[in-house]
PDB file of N, CA and C in Angstrom:
ATOM      1  N   MET A   1     104.703 117.002 115.391  1.00  0.00           N
ATOM      2  CA  MET A   1     103.849 116.071 116.109  1.00  0.00           C
ATOM      3  C   MET A   1     104.715 115.309 117.115  1.00  0.00           C
ATOM      4  N   ASP A   2     104.330 115.349 118.363  1.00  0.00           N
ATOM      5  CA  ASP A   2     105.046 114.606 119.394  1.00  0.00           C
ATOM      6  C   ASP A   2     104.487 113.198 119.492  1.00  0.00           C
ATOM      7  N   ARG A   3     105.395 112.264 119.609  1.00  0.00           N
ATOM      8  CA  ARG A   3     104.989 110.865 119.789  1.00  0.00           C
ATOM      9  C   ARG A   3     105.743 110.305 120.981  1.00  0.00           C
ATOM     10  N   ASN A   4     105.068 109.533 121.744  1.00  0.00           N
ATOM     11  CA  ASN A   4     105.712 108.879 122.876  1.00  0.00           C
ATOM     12  C   ASN A   4     106.029 107.451 122.492  1.00  0.00           C
ATOM     13  N   LEU A   5     107.254 107.078 122.674  1.00  0.00           N
ATOM     14  CA  LEU A   5     107.687 105.723 122.368  1.00  0.00           C
ATOM     15  C   LEU A   5     108.472 105.219 123.563  1.00  0.00           C
ATOM     16  N   ASN A   6     107.993 104.173 124.162  1.00  0.00           N
ATOM     17  CA  ASN A   6     108.694 103.549 125.274  1.00  0.00           C
ATOM     18  C   ASN A   6     109.432 102.329 124.759  1.00  0.00           C
ATOM     19  N   VAL A   7     110.720 102.291 125.017  1.00  0.00           N
ATOM     20  CA  VAL A   7     111.555 101.185 124.562  1.00  0.00           C
ATOM     21  C   VAL A   7     112.206 100.557 125.778  1.00  0.00           C
ATOM     22  N   GLU A   8     112.145  99.248 125.839  1.00  0.00           N
ATOM     23  CA  GLU A   8     112.786  98.526 126.933  1.00  0.00           C
ATOM     24  C   GLU A   8     113.879  97.655 126.338  1.00  0.00           C
ATOM     25  N   LEU A   9     115.111  97.880 126.769  1.00  0.00           N
ATOM     26  CA  LEU A   9     116.236  97.077 126.308  1.00  0.00           C
ATOM     27  C   LEU A   9     116.512  95.996 127.336  1.00  0.00           C
ATOM     28  N   ILE A  10     116.669  94.786 126.853  1.00  0.00           N
ATOM     29  CA  ILE A  10     116.935  93.655 127.734  1.00  0.00           C
ATOM     30  C   ILE A  10     118.217  92.991 127.269  1.00  0.00           C
ATOM     31  N   LYS A  11     119.207  92.926 128.147  1.00  0.00           N
ATOM     32  CA  LYS A  11     120.474  92.287 127.805  1.00  0.00           C
ATOM     33  C   LYS A  11     120.315  90.777 127.950  1.00  0.00           C
ATOM     34  N   VAL A  12     120.701  90.080 126.898  1.00  0.00           N
ATOM     35  CA  VAL A  12     120.661  88.619 126.943  1.00  0.00           C
ATOM     36  C   VAL A  12     122.080  88.103 126.751  1.00  0.00           C
ATOM     37  N   PRO A  13     122.411  86.960 127.331  1.00  0.00           N
ATOM     38  CA  PRO A  13     123.743  86.398 127.139  1.00  0.00           C
ATOM     39  C   PRO A  13     124.014  86.137 125.654  1.00  0.00           C
ATOM     40  N   ALA A  14     125.225  86.427 125.225  1.00  0.00           N
ATOM     41  CA  ALA A  14     125.584  86.297 123.811  1.00  0.00           C
ATOM     42  C   ALA A  14     125.436  84.870 123.303  1.00  0.00           C
ATOM     43  N   HIS A  15     125.719  83.910 124.113  1.00  0.00           N
ATOM     44  CA  HIS A  15     125.651  82.519 123.659  1.00  0.00           C
ATOM     45  C   HIS A  15     124.562  81.743 124.400  1.00  0.00           C
ATOM     46  N   GLY A  16     123.518  82.444 124.801  1.00  0.00           N
ATOM     47  CA  GLY A  16     122.407  81.810 125.503  1.00  0.00           C
ATOM     48  C   GLY A  16     121.426  81.197 124.518  1.00  0.00           C
ATOM     49  N   ASP A  17     120.335  80.703 125.024  1.00  0.00           N
ATOM     50  CA  ASP A  17     119.325  80.056 124.186  1.00  0.00           C
ATOM     51  C   ASP A  17     118.140  80.972 123.903  1.00  0.00           C
ATOM     52  N   ASP A  18     118.371  82.284 123.809  1.00  0.00           N
ATOM     53  CA  ASP A  18     117.298  83.216 123.500  1.00  0.00           C
ATOM     54  C   ASP A  18     116.938  83.099 122.015  1.00  0.00           C
ATOM     55  N   THR A  19     115.697  82.785 121.720  1.00  0.00           N
ATOM     56  CA  THR A  19     115.244  82.529 120.350  1.00  0.00           C
ATOM     57  C   THR A  19     115.537  83.691 119.419  1.00  0.00           C
ATOM     58  N   TYR A  20     115.219  84.910 119.851  1.00  0.00           N
ATOM     59  CA  TYR A  20     115.403  86.071 118.974  1.00  0.00           C
ATOM     60  C   TYR A  20     116.879  86.404 118.780  1.00  0.00           C
ATOM     61  N   ASN A  21     117.695  86.174 119.807  1.00  0.00           N
ATOM     62  CA  ASN A  21     119.129  86.406 119.675  1.00  0.00           C
ATOM     63  C   ASN A  21     119.739  85.414 118.687  1.00  0.00           C
ATOM     64  N   ILE A  22     119.291  84.177 118.744  1.00  0.00           N
ATOM     65  CA  ILE A  22     119.775  83.158 117.810  1.00  0.00           C
ATOM     66  C   ILE A  22     119.379  83.533 116.388  1.00  0.00           C
ATOM     67  N   GLN A  23     118.146  83.996 116.209  1.00  0.00           N
ATOM     68  CA  GLN A  23     117.681  84.398 114.880  1.00  0.00           C
ATOM     69  C   GLN A  23     118.474  85.603 114.371  1.00  0.00           C
ATOM     70  N   ALA A  24     118.717  86.580 115.228  1.00  0.00           N
ATOM     71  CA  ALA A  24     119.489  87.764 114.828  1.00  0.00           C
ATOM     72  C   ALA A  24     120.914  87.381 114.452  1.00  0.00           C
ATOM     73  N   ASP A  25     121.534  86.495 115.224  1.00  0.00           N
ATOM     74  CA  ASP A  25     122.882  86.026 114.904  1.00  0.00           C
ATOM     75  C   ASP A  25     122.914  85.327 113.555  1.00  0.00           C
ATOM     76  N   SER A  26     121.922  84.491 113.300  1.00  0.00           N
ATOM     77  CA  SER A  26     121.853  83.760 112.037  1.00  0.00           C
ATOM     78  C   SER A  26     121.696  84.710 110.852  1.00  0.00           C
ATOM     79  N   LEU A  27     120.815  85.691 110.978  1.00  0.00           N
ATOM     80  CA  LEU A  27     120.618  86.666 109.907  1.00  0.00           C
ATOM     81  C   LEU A  27     121.879  87.487 109.665  1.00  0.00           C
ATOM     82  N   ALA A  28     122.567  87.867 110.734  1.00  0.00           N
ATOM     83  CA  ALA A  28     123.800  88.650 110.598  1.00  0.00           C
ATOM     84  C   ALA A  28     124.888  87.836 109.907  1.00  0.00           C
ATOM     85  N   LYS A  29     125.025  86.565 110.273  1.00  0.00           N
ATOM     86  CA  LYS A  29     126.029  85.708 109.635  1.00  0.00           C
ATOM     87  C   LYS A  29     125.712  85.493 108.166  1.00  0.00           C
ATOM     88  N   ASP A  30     124.442  85.269 107.846  1.00  0.00           N
ATOM     89  CA  ASP A  30     124.038  85.090 106.449  1.00  0.00           C
ATOM     90  C   ASP A  30     124.338  86.340 105.630  1.00  0.00           C
ATOM     91  N   ALA A  31     124.023  87.502 106.178  1.00  0.00           N
ATOM     92  CA  ALA A  31     124.260  88.756 105.460  1.00  0.00           C
ATOM     93  C   ALA A  31     125.754  88.999 105.278  1.00  0.00           C
ATOM     94  N   HIS A  32     126.546  88.657 106.275  1.00  0.00           N
ATOM     95  CA  HIS A  32     127.988  88.878 106.206  1.00  0.00           C
ATOM     96  C   HIS A  32     128.643  87.993 105.150  1.00  0.00           C
ATOM     97  N   SER A  33     128.187  86.756 105.033  1.00  0.00           N
ATOM     98  CA  SER A  33     128.819  85.819 104.105  1.00  0.00           C
ATOM     99  C   SER A  33     128.213  85.863 102.708  1.00  0.00           C
ATOM    100  N   SER A  34     127.137  86.604 102.528  1.00  0.00           N
ATOM    101  CA  SER A  34     126.461  86.665 101.235  1.00  0.00           C
ATOM    102  C   SER A  34     127.193  87.601 100.282  1.00  0.00           C
ATOM    103  N   LEU A  35     127.233  87.217  99.014  1.00  0.00           N
ATOM    104  CA  LEU A  35     127.802  88.082  97.986  1.00  0.00           C
ATOM    105  C   LEU A  35     126.755  89.035  97.422  1.00  0.00           C
ATOM    106  N   GLN A  36     125.502  88.808  97.771  1.00  0.00           N
ATOM    107  CA  GLN A  36     124.409  89.652  97.301  1.00  0.00           C
ATOM    108  C   GLN A  36     124.280  90.879  98.205  1.00  0.00           C
ATOM    109  N   PRO A  37     123.945  92.020  97.625  1.00  0.00           N
ATOM    110  CA  PRO A  37     123.726  93.198  98.473  1.00  0.00           C
ATOM    111  C   PRO A  37     122.505  92.992  99.369  1.00  0.00           C
ATOM    112  N   THR A  38     122.544  93.587 100.524  1.00  0.00           N
ATOM    113  CA  THR A  38     121.420  93.500 101.448  1.00  0.00           C
ATOM    114  C   THR A  38     120.290  94.384 100.943  1.00  0.00           C
ATOM    115  N   THR A  39     119.078  93.855 100.957  1.00  0.00           N
ATOM    116  CA  THR A  39     117.928  94.625 100.494  1.00  0.00           C
ATOM    117  C   THR A  39     116.997  94.910 101.664  1.00  0.00           C
ATOM    118  N   LEU A  40     116.214  95.937 101.503  1.00  0.00           N
ATOM    119  CA  LEU A  40     115.242  96.325 102.513  1.00  0.00           C
ATOM    120  C   LEU A  40     113.864  96.256 101.893  1.00  0.00           C
ATOM    121  N   ASN A  41     112.947  95.607 102.571  1.00  0.00           N
ATOM    122  CA  ASN A  41     111.578  95.511 102.080  1.00  0.00           C
ATOM    123  C   ASN A  41     110.966  96.908 102.069  1.00  0.00           C
ATOM    124  N   ILE A  42     110.660  97.406 100.885  1.00  0.00           N
ATOM    125  CA  ILE A  42     110.153  98.770 100.736  1.00  0.00           C
ATOM    126  C   ILE A  42     108.844  98.979 101.496  1.00  0.00           C
ATOM    127  N   LEU A  43     108.087  97.918 101.707  1.00  0.00           N
ATOM    128  CA  LEU A  43     106.826  98.051 102.435  1.00  0.00           C
ATOM    129  C   LEU A  43     107.052  98.409 103.901  1.00  0.00           C
ATOM    130  N   LEU A  44     108.231  98.111 104.423  1.00  0.00           N
ATOM    131  CA  LEU A  44     108.529  98.414 105.822  1.00  0.00           C
ATOM    132  C   LEU A  44     109.108  99.812 106.005  1.00  0.00           C
ATOM    133  N   CYS A  45     109.510 100.462 104.924  1.00  0.00           N
ATOM    134  CA  CYS A  45     110.158 101.776 105.031  1.00  0.00           C
ATOM    135  C   CYS A  45     109.256 102.810 105.686  1.00  0.00           C
ATOM    136  N   SER A  46     107.980 102.814 105.349  1.00  0.00           N
ATOM    137  CA  SER A  46     107.089 103.795 105.962  1.00  0.00           C
ATOM    138  C   SER A  46     106.992 103.576 107.469  1.00  0.00           C
ATOM    139  N   MET A  47     107.107 102.339 107.894  1.00  0.00           N
ATOM    140  CA  MET A  47     107.069 102.061 109.325  1.00  0.00           C
ATOM    141  C   MET A  47     108.300 102.645 110.011  1.00  0.00           C
ATOM    142  N   LEU A  48     109.456 102.573 109.351  1.00  0.00           N
ATOM    143  CA  LEU A  48     110.680 103.104 109.931  1.00  0.00           C
ATOM    144  C   LEU A  48     110.619 104.621 110.052  1.00  0.00           C
ATOM    145  N   VAL A  49     110.055 105.272 109.051  1.00  0.00           N
ATOM    146  CA  VAL A  49     109.958 106.729 109.056  1.00  0.00           C
ATOM    147  C   VAL A  49     109.008 107.201 110.149  1.00  0.00           C
ATOM    148  N   ASP A  50     107.984 106.420 110.435  1.00  0.00           N
ATOM    149  CA  ASP A  50     107.011 106.809 111.454  1.00  0.00           C
ATOM    150  C   ASP A  50     107.621 106.889 112.847  1.00  0.00           C
ATOM    151  N   PHE A  51     108.692 106.164 113.084  1.00  0.00           N
ATOM    152  CA  PHE A  51     109.327 106.218 114.391  1.00  0.00           C
ATOM    153  C   PHE A  51     110.171 107.462 114.468  1.00  0.00           C
TER     154      PHE A  51
END
């Protein structure tokens, strides 16, 4: 089955005030400093496979 997926990449400054970049940085820092293994919400797995 062919699927068309259009993706647009937008470069944002690393230390800018982009809301999503700040959130991604925060999540990455939390995951890096956590002693707990990173988990993946199983409900989202089917969405990942669909791509």
